[in-house]
PDB file of all heavy atoms in Angstrom:
ATOM      1  N   ARG A   1      -5.146   4.205   5.998  1.00  0.00           N
ATOM      2  CA  ARG A   1      -6.150   4.976   5.207  1.00  0.00           C
ATOM      3  C   ARG A   1      -7.461   5.110   5.863  1.00  0.00           C
ATOM      4  O   ARG A   1      -8.192   6.109   5.620  1.00  0.00           O
ATOM      5  CB  ARG A   1      -6.305   4.287   3.846  1.00  0.00           C
ATOM      6  CG  ARG A   1      -5.104   4.353   2.979  1.00  0.00           C
ATOM      7  CD  ARG A   1      -5.328   3.782   1.622  1.00  0.00           C
ATOM      8  NE  ARG A   1      -4.637   4.616   0.708  1.00  0.00           N
ATOM      9  CZ  ARG A   1      -5.087   4.998  -0.469  1.00  0.00           C
ATOM     10  NH1 ARG A   1      -6.245   4.543  -0.899  1.00  0.00           N
ATOM     11  NH2 ARG A   1      -4.393   5.723  -1.255  1.00  0.00           N
ATOM     12  N   LEU A   2      -7.863   4.170   6.666  1.00  0.00           N
ATOM     13  CA  LEU A   2      -9.142   4.178   7.366  1.00  0.00           C
ATOM     14  C   LEU A   2      -8.892   4.241   8.886  1.00  0.00           C
ATOM     15  O   LEU A   2      -8.293   3.364   9.430  1.00  0.00           O
ATOM     16  CB  LEU A   2      -9.936   2.929   7.003  1.00  0.00           C
ATOM     17  CG  LEU A   2     -11.390   2.826   7.461  1.00  0.00           C
ATOM     18  CD1 LEU A   2     -12.220   3.945   6.852  1.00  0.00           C
ATOM     19  CD2 LEU A   2     -11.956   1.496   7.174  1.00  0.00           C
ATOM     20  N   THR A   3      -9.436   5.293   9.519  1.00  0.00           N
ATOM     21  CA  THR A   3      -9.180   5.504  10.925  1.00  0.00           C
ATOM     22  C   THR A   3     -10.501   5.686  11.672  1.00  0.00           C
ATOM     23  O   THR A   3     -11.036   6.805  11.689  1.00  0.00           O
ATOM     24  CB  THR A   3      -8.279   6.716  11.138  1.00  0.00           C
ATOM     25  OG1 THR A   3      -7.105   6.578  10.351  1.00  0.00           O
ATOM     26  CG2 THR A   3      -7.876   6.892  12.600  1.00  0.00           C
ATOM     27  N   PRO A   4     -11.027   4.684  12.290  1.00  0.00           N
ATOM     28  CA  PRO A   4     -12.182   4.844  13.167  1.00  0.00           C
ATOM     29  C   PRO A   4     -11.718   5.237  14.568  1.00  0.00           C
ATOM     30  O   PRO A   4     -10.667   4.902  15.046  1.00  0.00           O
ATOM     31  CB  PRO A   4     -12.849   3.453  13.201  1.00  0.00           C
ATOM     32  CG  PRO A   4     -11.714   2.526  12.936  1.00  0.00           C
ATOM     33  CD  PRO A   4     -10.745   3.226  12.081  1.00  0.00           C
ATOM     34  N   ALA A   5     -12.575   6.068  15.250  1.00  0.00           N
ATOM     35  CA  ALA A   5     -12.200   6.516  16.589  1.00  0.00           C
ATOM     36  C   ALA A   5     -13.505   6.705  17.385  1.00  0.00           C
ATOM     37  O   ALA A   5     -14.526   7.089  16.845  1.00  0.00           O
ATOM     38  CB  ALA A   5     -11.445   7.856  16.528  1.00  0.00           C
ATOM     39  N   VAL A   6     -13.397   6.513  18.709  1.00  0.00           N
ATOM     40  CA  VAL A   6     -14.540   6.728  19.605  1.00  0.00           C
ATOM     41  C   VAL A   6     -13.973   7.368  20.879  1.00  0.00           C
ATOM     42  O   VAL A   6     -12.889   6.989  21.333  1.00  0.00           O
ATOM     43  CB  VAL A   6     -15.311   5.437  19.896  1.00  0.00           C
ATOM     44  CG1 VAL A   6     -14.486   4.430  20.599  1.00  0.00           C
ATOM     45  CG2 VAL A   6     -16.574   5.730  20.684  1.00  0.00           C
ATOM     46  N   THR A   7     -14.690   8.329  21.417  1.00  0.00           N
ATOM     47  CA  THR A   7     -14.367   9.006  22.623  1.00  0.00           C
ATOM     48  C   THR A   7     -15.518   8.990  23.555  1.00  0.00           C
ATOM     49  O   THR A   7     -16.666   9.107  23.132  1.00  0.00           O
ATOM     50  CB  THR A   7     -13.912  10.450  22.349  1.00  0.00           C
ATOM     51  OG1 THR A   7     -12.901  10.482  21.410  1.00  0.00           O
ATOM     52  CG2 THR A   7     -13.447  11.161  23.602  1.00  0.00           C
ATOM     53  N   ALA A   8     -15.288   8.790  24.851  1.00  0.00           N
ATOM     54  CA  ALA A   8     -16.375   8.857  25.840  1.00  0.00           C
ATOM     55  C   ALA A   8     -15.987   9.917  26.881  1.00  0.00           C
ATOM     56  O   ALA A   8     -14.942   9.862  27.466  1.00  0.00           O
ATOM     57  CB  ALA A   8     -16.529   7.490  26.529  1.00  0.00           C
ATOM     58  N   VAL A   9     -16.921  10.880  27.066  1.00  0.00           N
ATOM     59  CA  VAL A   9     -16.722  11.910  28.023  1.00  0.00           C
ATOM     60  C   VAL A   9     -17.925  11.875  29.009  1.00  0.00           C
ATOM     61  O   VAL A   9     -19.079  11.941  28.537  1.00  0.00           O
ATOM     62  CB  VAL A   9     -16.634  13.314  27.352  1.00  0.00           C
ATOM     63  CG1 VAL A   9     -16.425  14.404  28.350  1.00  0.00           C
ATOM     64  CG2 VAL A   9     -15.557  13.333  26.275  1.00  0.00           C
ATOM     65  N   MET A  10     -17.625  11.794  30.285  1.00  0.00           N
ATOM     66  CA  MET A  10     -18.691  11.713  31.287  1.00  0.00           C
ATOM     67  C   MET A  10     -18.535  12.833  32.288  1.00  0.00           C
ATOM     68  O   MET A  10     -17.450  13.102  32.731  1.00  0.00           O
ATOM     69  CB  MET A  10     -18.680  10.364  31.997  1.00  0.00           C
ATOM     70  CG  MET A  10     -18.847   9.208  31.042  1.00  0.00           C
ATOM     71  SD  MET A  10     -18.994   7.661  31.926  1.00  0.00           S
ATOM     72  CE  MET A  10     -20.709   7.707  32.234  1.00  0.00           C
ATOM     73  N   GLY A  11     -19.652  13.440  32.642  1.00  0.00           N
ATOM     74  CA  GLY A  11     -19.657  14.502  33.640  1.00  0.00           C
ATOM     75  C   GLY A  11     -19.997  13.947  34.995  1.00  0.00           C
ATOM     76  O   GLY A  11     -20.579  12.873  35.119  1.00  0.00           O
ATOM     77  N   LEU A  12     -19.680  14.674  36.046  1.00  0.00           N
ATOM     78  CA  LEU A  12     -19.948  14.219  37.417  1.00  0.00           C
ATOM     79  C   LEU A  12     -21.457  14.263  37.728  1.00  0.00           C
ATOM     80  O   LEU A  12     -21.911  13.537  38.659  1.00  0.00           O
ATOM     81  CB  LEU A  12     -19.240  15.153  38.417  1.00  0.00           C
ATOM     82  CG  LEU A  12     -17.697  15.074  38.371  1.00  0.00           C
ATOM     83  CD1 LEU A  12     -17.105  16.105  39.306  1.00  0.00           C
ATOM     84  CD2 LEU A  12     -17.214  13.686  38.640  1.00  0.00           C
ATOM     85  N   ASN A  13     -22.223  14.995  36.951  1.00  0.00           N
ATOM     86  CA  ASN A  13     -23.690  15.026  37.197  1.00  0.00           C
ATOM     87  C   ASN A  13     -24.473  13.983  36.443  1.00  0.00           C
ATOM     88  O   ASN A  13     -25.660  13.970  36.397  1.00  0.00           O
ATOM     89  CB  ASN A  13     -24.184  16.434  36.832  1.00  0.00           C
ATOM     90  CG  ASN A  13     -23.985  16.813  35.403  1.00  0.00           C
ATOM     91  OD1 ASN A  13     -23.344  16.069  34.669  1.00  0.00           O
ATOM     92  ND2 ASN A  13     -24.515  17.930  35.016  1.00  0.00           N
ATOM     93  N   GLY A  14     -23.755  13.029  35.715  1.00  0.00           N
ATOM     94  CA  GLY A  14     -24.429  11.986  35.016  1.00  0.00           C
ATOM     95  C   GLY A  14     -24.614  12.192  33.533  1.00  0.00           C
ATOM     96  O   GLY A  14     -25.176  11.326  32.861  1.00  0.00           O
ATOM     97  N   THR A  15     -24.181  13.308  32.994  1.00  0.00           N
ATOM     98  CA  THR A  15     -24.290  13.533  31.562  1.00  0.00           C
ATOM     99  C   THR A  15     -23.094  12.895  30.863  1.00  0.00           C
ATOM    100  O   THR A  15     -22.011  12.736  31.455  1.00  0.00           O
ATOM    101  CB  THR A  15     -24.352  15.027  31.273  1.00  0.00           C
ATOM    102  OG1 THR A  15     -23.168  15.634  31.755  1.00  0.00           O
ATOM    103  CG2 THR A  15     -25.572  15.669  31.879  1.00  0.00           C
ATOM    104  N   PHE A  16     -23.289  12.577  29.578  1.00  0.00           N
ATOM    105  CA  PHE A  16     -22.208  11.996  28.839  1.00  0.00           C
ATOM    106  C   PHE A  16     -22.323  12.356  27.354  1.00  0.00           C
ATOM    107  O   PHE A  16     -23.412  12.677  26.875  1.00  0.00           O
ATOM    108  CB  PHE A  16     -22.141  10.448  29.017  1.00  0.00           C
ATOM    109  CG  PHE A  16     -23.366   9.754  28.518  1.00  0.00           C
ATOM    110  CD1 PHE A  16     -23.440   9.327  27.213  1.00  0.00           C
ATOM    111  CD2 PHE A  16     -24.422   9.517  29.374  1.00  0.00           C
ATOM    112  CE1 PHE A  16     -24.570   8.645  26.739  1.00  0.00           C
ATOM    113  CE2 PHE A  16     -25.561   8.877  28.906  1.00  0.00           C
ATOM    114  CZ  PHE A  16     -25.600   8.430  27.602  1.00  0.00           C
ATOM    115  N   VAL A  17     -21.219  12.285  26.678  1.00  0.00           N
ATOM    116  CA  VAL A  17     -21.125  12.535  25.259  1.00  0.00           C
ATOM    117  C   VAL A  17     -20.260  11.479  24.644  1.00  0.00           C
ATOM    118  O   VAL A  17     -19.179  11.173  25.197  1.00  0.00           O
ATOM    119  CB  VAL A  17     -20.528  13.938  24.931  1.00  0.00           C
ATOM    120  CG1 VAL A  17     -20.361  14.122  23.445  1.00  0.00           C
ATOM    121  CG2 VAL A  17     -21.394  14.996  25.519  1.00  0.00           C
ATOM    122  N   VAL A  18     -20.691  10.882  23.526  1.00  0.00           N
ATOM    123  CA  VAL A  18     -19.915   9.808  22.848  1.00  0.00           C
ATOM    124  C   VAL A  18     -19.739  10.204  21.389  1.00  0.00           C
ATOM    125  O   VAL A  18     -20.647   9.955  20.570  1.00  0.00           O
ATOM    126  CB  VAL A  18     -20.552   8.428  22.959  1.00  0.00           C
ATOM    127  CG1 VAL A  18     -19.705   7.364  22.288  1.00  0.00           C
ATOM    128  CG2 VAL A  18     -20.786   8.093  24.424  1.00  0.00           C
ATOM    129  N   PRO A  19     -18.650  10.898  21.026  1.00  0.00           N
ATOM    130  CA  PRO A  19     -18.388  11.187  19.600  1.00  0.00           C
ATOM    131  C   PRO A  19     -17.747  10.008  18.962  1.00  0.00           C
ATOM    132  O   PRO A  19     -16.738   9.431  19.441  1.00  0.00           O
ATOM    133  CB  PRO A  19     -17.447  12.378  19.648  1.00  0.00           C
ATOM    134  CG  PRO A  19     -17.069  12.600  21.047  1.00  0.00           C
ATOM    135  CD  PRO A  19     -17.784  11.617  21.908  1.00  0.00           C
ATOM    136  N   VAL A  20     -18.294   9.595  17.798  1.00  0.00           N
ATOM    137  CA  VAL A  20     -17.739   8.463  17.007  1.00  0.00           C
ATOM    138  C   VAL A  20     -17.302   9.040  15.674  1.00  0.00           C
ATOM    139  O   VAL A  20     -18.126   9.738  15.023  1.00  0.00           O
ATOM    140  CB  VAL A  20     -18.789   7.332  16.830  1.00  0.00           C
ATOM    141  CG1 VAL A  20     -18.223   6.243  15.975  1.00  0.00           C
ATOM    142  CG2 VAL A  20     -19.237   6.847  18.166  1.00  0.00           C
ATOM    143  N   GLY A  21     -16.085   8.773  15.243  1.00  0.00           N
ATOM    144  CA  GLY A  21     -15.631   9.331  14.008  1.00  0.00           C
ATOM    145  C   GLY A  21     -15.001   8.318  13.075  1.00  0.00           C
ATOM    146  O   GLY A  21     -14.453   7.289  13.553  1.00  0.00           O
ATOM    147  N   LEU A  22     -15.042   8.569  11.787  1.00  0.00           N
ATOM    148  CA  LEU A  22     -14.418   7.693  10.771  1.00  0.00           C
ATOM    149  C   LEU A  22     -13.788   8.594   9.754  1.00  0.00           C
ATOM    150  O   LEU A  22     -14.436   9.422   9.169  1.00  0.00           O
ATOM    151  CB  LEU A  22     -15.470   6.803  10.125  1.00  0.00           C
ATOM    152  CG  LEU A  22     -14.956   5.852   9.096  1.00  0.00           C
ATOM    153  CD1 LEU A  22     -14.107   4.775   9.728  1.00  0.00           C
ATOM    154  CD2 LEU A  22     -16.132   5.194   8.336  1.00  0.00           C
ATOM    155  N   THR A  23     -12.479   8.460   9.572  1.00  0.00           N
ATOM    156  CA  THR A  23     -11.724   9.237   8.600  1.00  0.00           C
ATOM    157  C   THR A  23     -11.154   8.288   7.536  1.00  0.00           C
ATOM    158  O   THR A  23     -10.572   7.288   7.867  1.00  0.00           O
ATOM    159  CB  THR A  23     -10.567   9.996   9.249  1.00  0.00           C
ATOM    160  OG1 THR A  23     -11.100  10.800  10.259  1.00  0.00           O
ATOM    161  CG2 THR A  23      -9.849  10.834   8.257  1.00  0.00           C
ATOM    162  N   TYR A  24     -11.407   8.643   6.269  1.00  0.00           N
ATOM    163  CA  TYR A  24     -10.882   7.839   5.165  1.00  0.00           C
ATOM    164  C   TYR A  24      -9.944   8.759   4.377  1.00  0.00           C
ATOM    165  O   TYR A  24     -10.356   9.804   3.877  1.00  0.00           O
ATOM    166  CB  TYR A  24     -11.993   7.336   4.246  1.00  0.00           C
ATOM    167  CG  TYR A  24     -11.467   6.568   3.061  1.00  0.00           C
ATOM    168  CD1 TYR A  24     -10.861   5.319   3.297  1.00  0.00           C
ATOM    169  CD2 TYR A  24     -11.566   7.030   1.794  1.00  0.00           C
ATOM    170  CE1 TYR A  24     -10.353   4.622   2.215  1.00  0.00           C
ATOM    171  CE2 TYR A  24     -11.049   6.327   0.710  1.00  0.00           C
ATOM    172  CZ  TYR A  24     -10.454   5.103   0.937  1.00  0.00           C
ATOM    173  OH  TYR A  24      -9.936   4.420  -0.105  1.00  0.00           O
ATOM    174  N   ARG A  25      -8.713   8.363   4.248  1.00  0.00           N
ATOM    175  CA  ARG A  25      -7.669   9.137   3.512  1.00  0.00           C
ATOM    176  C   ARG A  25      -7.546   8.538   2.133  1.00  0.00           C
ATOM    177  O   ARG A  25      -6.890   7.515   1.937  1.00  0.00           O
ATOM    178  CB  ARG A  25      -6.358   9.040   4.267  1.00  0.00           C
ATOM    179  CG  ARG A  25      -5.241   9.854   3.609  1.00  0.00           C
ATOM    180  CD  ARG A  25      -3.953   9.700   4.382  1.00  0.00           C
ATOM    181  NE  ARG A  25      -4.022  10.192   5.723  1.00  0.00           N
ATOM    182  CZ  ARG A  25      -3.834  11.487   6.107  1.00  0.00           C
ATOM    183  NH1 ARG A  25      -3.515  12.374   5.175  1.00  0.00           N
ATOM    184  NH2 ARG A  25      -3.932  11.818   7.331  1.00  0.00           N
ATOM    185  N   TYR A  26      -8.199   9.163   1.163  1.00  0.00           N
ATOM    186  CA  TYR A  26      -8.155   8.641  -0.217  1.00  0.00           C
ATOM    187  C   TYR A  26      -6.768   8.867  -0.789  1.00  0.00           C
ATOM    188  O   TYR A  26      -6.180   7.946  -1.374  1.00  0.00           O
ATOM    189  CB  TYR A  26      -9.221   9.407  -1.053  1.00  0.00           C
ATOM    190  CG  TYR A  26      -9.346   8.851  -2.421  1.00  0.00           C
ATOM    191  CD1 TYR A  26      -9.920   7.632  -2.720  1.00  0.00           C
ATOM    192  CD2 TYR A  26      -8.843   9.559  -3.506  1.00  0.00           C
ATOM    193  CE1 TYR A  26     -10.017   7.111  -3.999  1.00  0.00           C
ATOM    194  CE2 TYR A  26      -8.901   9.086  -4.809  1.00  0.00           C
ATOM    195  CZ  TYR A  26      -9.485   7.874  -5.048  1.00  0.00           C
ATOM    196  OH  TYR A  26      -9.586   7.364  -6.294  1.00  0.00           O
ATOM    197  N   THR A  27      -6.269  10.066  -0.713  1.00  0.00           N
ATOM    198  CA  THR A  27      -4.853  10.366  -0.998  1.00  0.00           C
ATOM    199  C   THR A  27      -4.369  11.259   0.148  1.00  0.00           C
ATOM    200  O   THR A  27      -5.124  11.617   1.024  1.00  0.00           O
ATOM    201  CB  THR A  27      -4.700  11.094  -2.343  1.00  0.00           C
ATOM    202  OG1 THR A  27      -5.365  12.364  -2.251  1.00  0.00           O
ATOM    203  CG2 THR A  27      -5.252  10.291  -3.481  1.00  0.00           C
ATOM    204  N   ASP A  28      -3.096  11.689   0.094  1.00  0.00           N
ATOM    205  CA  ASP A  28      -2.583  12.570   1.134  1.00  0.00           C
ATOM    206  C   ASP A  28      -3.254  13.924   1.100  1.00  0.00           C
ATOM    207  O   ASP A  28      -3.238  14.644   2.093  1.00  0.00           O
ATOM    208  CB  ASP A  28      -1.076  12.730   1.016  1.00  0.00           C
ATOM    209  CG  ASP A  28      -0.322  11.495   1.468  1.00  0.00           C
ATOM    210  OD1 ASP A  28      -0.935  10.711   2.251  1.00  0.00           O
ATOM    211  OD2 ASP A  28       0.843  11.312   1.084  1.00  0.00           O
ATOM    212  N   SER A  29      -3.839  14.313  -0.040  1.00  0.00           N
ATOM    213  CA  SER A  29      -4.471  15.625  -0.137  1.00  0.00           C
ATOM    214  C   SER A  29      -5.996  15.593  -0.173  1.00  0.00           C
ATOM    215  O   SER A  29      -6.616  16.614  -0.267  1.00  0.00           O
ATOM    216  CB  SER A  29      -3.968  16.329  -1.394  1.00  0.00           C
ATOM    217  OG  SER A  29      -4.280  15.579  -2.540  1.00  0.00           O
ATOM    218  N   LEU A  30      -6.635  14.406  -0.048  1.00  0.00           N
ATOM    219  CA  LEU A  30      -8.067  14.298  -0.046  1.00  0.00           C
ATOM    220  C   LEU A  30      -8.509  13.356   1.086  1.00  0.00           C
ATOM    221  O   LEU A  30      -8.185  12.164   1.077  1.00  0.00           O
ATOM    222  CB  LEU A  30      -8.531  13.716  -1.393  1.00  0.00           C
ATOM    223  CG  LEU A  30     -10.057  13.565  -1.605  1.00  0.00           C
ATOM    224  CD1 LEU A  30     -10.761  14.943  -1.482  1.00  0.00           C
ATOM    225  CD2 LEU A  30     -10.350  12.913  -2.941  1.00  0.00           C
ATOM    226  N   LEU A  31      -9.241  13.958   2.024  1.00  0.00           N
ATOM    227  CA  LEU A  31      -9.731  13.226   3.202  1.00  0.00           C
ATOM    228  C   LEU A  31     -11.235  13.341   3.325  1.00  0.00           C
ATOM    229  O   LEU A  31     -11.830  14.383   3.029  1.00  0.00           O
ATOM    230  CB  LEU A  31      -9.126  13.772   4.496  1.00  0.00           C
ATOM    231  CG  LEU A  31      -7.682  13.442   4.797  1.00  0.00           C
ATOM    232  CD1 LEU A  31      -6.753  14.270   3.999  1.00  0.00           C
ATOM    233  CD2 LEU A  31      -7.470  13.562   6.266  1.00  0.00           C
ATOM    234  N   PHE A  32     -11.876  12.242   3.779  1.00  0.00           N
ATOM    235  CA  PHE A  32     -13.289  12.209   4.000  1.00  0.00           C
ATOM    236  C   PHE A  32     -13.492  11.918   5.510  1.00  0.00           C
ATOM    237  O   PHE A  32     -12.956  10.974   6.053  1.00  0.00           O
ATOM    238  CB  PHE A  32     -13.989  11.140   3.197  1.00  0.00           C
ATOM    239  CG  PHE A  32     -13.891  11.333   1.746  1.00  0.00           C
ATOM    240  CD1 PHE A  32     -12.888  10.732   0.973  1.00  0.00           C
ATOM    241  CD2 PHE A  32     -14.820  12.123   1.073  1.00  0.00           C
ATOM    242  CE1 PHE A  32     -12.797  10.944  -0.357  1.00  0.00           C
ATOM    243  CE2 PHE A  32     -14.734  12.334  -0.315  1.00  0.00           C
ATOM    244  CZ  PHE A  32     -13.705  11.750  -1.016  1.00  0.00           C
ATOM    245  N   ASP A  33     -14.271  12.757   6.173  1.00  0.00           N
ATOM    246  CA  ASP A  33     -14.520  12.615   7.626  1.00  0.00           C
ATOM    247  C   ASP A  33     -16.047  12.494   7.859  1.00  0.00           C
ATOM    248  O   ASP A  33     -16.834  13.241   7.303  1.00  0.00           O
ATOM    249  CB  ASP A  33     -14.129  13.911   8.385  1.00  0.00           C
ATOM    250  CG  ASP A  33     -12.743  13.857   8.896  1.00  0.00           C
ATOM    251  OD1 ASP A  33     -12.206  12.728   9.122  1.00  0.00           O
ATOM    252  OD2 ASP A  33     -12.157  14.941   9.144  1.00  0.00           O
ATOM    253  N   PHE A  34     -16.392  11.473   8.661  1.00  0.00           N
ATOM    254  CA  PHE A  34     -17.748  11.263   9.066  1.00  0.00           C
ATOM    255  C   PHE A  34     -17.782  11.187  10.572  1.00  0.00           C
ATOM    256  O   PHE A  34     -17.009  10.462  11.176  1.00  0.00           O
ATOM    257  CB  PHE A  34     -18.341   9.949   8.466  1.00  0.00           C
ATOM    258  CG  PHE A  34     -18.227   9.911   6.969  1.00  0.00           C
ATOM    259  CD1 PHE A  34     -17.193   9.249   6.327  1.00  0.00           C
ATOM    260  CD2 PHE A  34     -19.183  10.555   6.194  1.00  0.00           C
ATOM    261  CE1 PHE A  34     -17.091   9.214   4.961  1.00  0.00           C
ATOM    262  CE2 PHE A  34     -19.128  10.512   4.805  1.00  0.00           C
ATOM    263  CZ  PHE A  34     -18.074   9.827   4.183  1.00  0.00           C
ATOM    264  N   LYS A  35     -18.708  11.910  11.217  1.00  0.00           N
ATOM    265  CA  LYS A  35     -18.755  11.947  12.659  1.00  0.00           C
ATOM    266  C   LYS A  35     -20.200  11.902  13.178  1.00  0.00           C
ATOM    267  O   LYS A  35     -21.085  12.507  12.539  1.00  0.00           O
ATOM    268  CB  LYS A  35     -18.055  13.171  13.242  1.00  0.00           C
ATOM    269  CG  LYS A  35     -16.599  13.177  12.993  1.00  0.00           C
ATOM    270  CD  LYS A  35     -15.880  14.329  13.646  1.00  0.00           C
ATOM    271  CE  LYS A  35     -14.412  14.219  13.330  1.00  0.00           C
ATOM    272  NZ  LYS A  35     -13.643  15.298  13.774  1.00  0.00           N
ATOM    273  N   TYR A  36     -20.384  11.207  14.305  1.00  0.00           N
ATOM    274  CA  TYR A  36     -21.689  11.221  14.959  1.00  0.00           C
ATOM    275  C   TYR A  36     -21.434  11.420  16.449  1.00  0.00           C
ATOM    276  O   TYR A  36     -20.539  10.793  17.038  1.00  0.00           O
ATOM    277  CB  TYR A  36     -22.379   9.849  14.787  1.00  0.00           C
ATOM    278  CG  TYR A  36     -23.679   9.724  15.530  1.00  0.00           C
ATOM    279  CD1 TYR A  36     -24.804  10.461  15.132  1.00  0.00           C
ATOM    280  CD2 TYR A  36     -23.777   8.964  16.660  1.00  0.00           C
ATOM    281  CE1 TYR A  36     -25.997  10.415  15.840  1.00  0.00           C
ATOM    282  CE2 TYR A  36     -24.954   8.875  17.364  1.00  0.00           C
ATOM    283  CZ  TYR A  36     -26.044   9.611  16.980  1.00  0.00           C
ATOM    284  OH  TYR A  36     -27.220   9.549  17.671  1.00  0.00           O
ATOM    285  N   THR A  37     -22.150  12.322  17.028  1.00  0.00           N
ATOM    286  CA  THR A  37     -22.020  12.668  18.429  1.00  0.00           C
ATOM    287  C   THR A  37     -23.320  12.396  19.140  1.00  0.00           C
ATOM    288  O   THR A  37     -24.345  12.983  18.809  1.00  0.00           O
ATOM    289  CB  THR A  37     -21.607  14.142  18.625  1.00  0.00           C
ATOM    290  OG1 THR A  37     -20.410  14.389  17.883  1.00  0.00           O
ATOM    291  CG2 THR A  37     -21.364  14.491  20.077  1.00  0.00           C
ATOM    292  N   TYR A  38     -23.260  11.493  20.112  1.00  0.00           N
ATOM    293  CA  TYR A  38     -24.460  11.117  20.881  1.00  0.00           C
ATOM    294  C   TYR A  38     -24.335  11.821  22.256  1.00  0.00           C
ATOM    295  O   TYR A  38     -23.322  11.717  22.920  1.00  0.00           O
ATOM    296  CB  TYR A  38     -24.565   9.626  21.058  1.00  0.00           C
ATOM    297  CG  TYR A  38     -25.717   9.205  21.940  1.00  0.00           C
ATOM    298  CD1 TYR A  38     -26.990   9.339  21.518  1.00  0.00           C
ATOM    299  CD2 TYR A  38     -25.487   8.723  23.208  1.00  0.00           C
ATOM    300  CE1 TYR A  38     -28.058   8.973  22.334  1.00  0.00           C
ATOM    301  CE2 TYR A  38     -26.526   8.366  24.048  1.00  0.00           C
ATOM    302  CZ  TYR A  38     -27.828   8.488  23.582  1.00  0.00           C
ATOM    303  OH  TYR A  38     -28.851   8.149  24.392  1.00  0.00           O
TER     304      TYR A  38
END
């Protein structure tokens, strides 16, 4: 029901992006998604 996830993407020029997500499945037909991208 609760699925946290993190991804790290790095470029060759030193840039990076870190998206962090949290999905909560209340029922099979109702989902809540929270995401932060640094």
